[in-house]
Amino acid sequence: MPEPTRRRRRWPVPPSLLIGVAPVVVFAAVSAWRARPSDDYPSLGLTVDSVLRALVVPEGIAAMALAVVVTGLGWWRIATVDPTRGRPRWTWVAPALIAVVCLARLPLVDWTALPWHYFALLGIGVLFVGVFEELLTRGVLLVGLRRRLPEFGVWIASCVLFGLLHLLNALAGAGIGPTLIQVVFAASFGSTLYLARRLTGNLLLPVLLHAFWDFGSIAVSATSRQGFDDIAVAGAIGLFAFAVLALGVVAGGVVAWRDDRPRRLRRRWRDVPPRDADHDHVPPRDHGHDHVPPRDTAAPAGQPEPVPDRNDLRTRTDTPSGSPA
């Protein structure tokens, strides 16, 4: 009996590049509108009041608003889950070393310099940041980019846009030089976060790494004793972090490039005819016995076509869900 036809699942709103980029544009516009030249960006998160006003409240509202949008679009699964995980296994080193850097910064935090509820509020605030920014840039944005770009282009565009979003910090009182450094840093960090999504197949690890990284950065800045030993250790950790981020860029590019291999093979073999078509007909020789038909002749009418060989690269694909066929 013939197999039942599988019904394709339809989303309430079909994925598109325009819808995927729109939340990023709206977020940038709102951030630019809220920014004031008198804002003191370097003091962000240094006090309990600053954590509450600049992180917990606005980021919590943004995360809930984006969750409502994703629910309305019906994109939760395609925005948070990749059915095909990335390879090879050595690329796990990059997100693992990011976690090591985050752990190495915790001893630099003076846990007695601020009340305990400061660190509790900071943890909630950076978790909101991780949920919102990852769902925005490694979730909704990826869904839209995959409608028009190969996976390697998706990787580049998502990292670059994530970095450019940090240009908005200049409108909130950050210096131009530090802002440009942060843009490059964020784009590189975005590659490791993209890699974490591809390796695990979901957004949980990128959210946790993002939140853990921000927690250490802000907590160290808020409680730094500015001693020589602390500065030397922080500098060594910073240099190691840049090396890890460079590894994350390489690993993310490798995973995205490998995902596009079936697409490149399809383009290469697009004009090659099937192996059983257009063959010159060679009349059989009369050897005095029944003729055995050649193996690669077309199947008679009413019989199923022969199954392509498993090494026929034109029929294979492991491109992530949502990427253009």
Foldseek 3Di string as FASTA:
>chain_A
DDDDDDDDDDWPADAALCQLCVVLVVVLVVLLVPAAQPFALLCQLLALVNLVPVFQPPLLVLLVVVVVVCVVRRQVDQQFFWPAAFDDPVLVVLLVVLVVLLVLLVVLFPCPPYDPVSLVSLLNRLLSVLSNVCSNLSGSNLLHCQQPDQLLVSLQVSLQSQLVSLLSVVSNNDDPVVSNVSSVVSSLVSLLQNNVCRHVRGNPSSSVSRSSVVSSVSRSSSGGPPDPVSVVSVVVSVVVNVVSSVSSNVSSSVRRVVQCVLVVVLVVCVPPDDPLPPDDDDDDDCPPDDDDDDPSHADDPPDDGDDDDPPPSNPDHDHIPSHDD
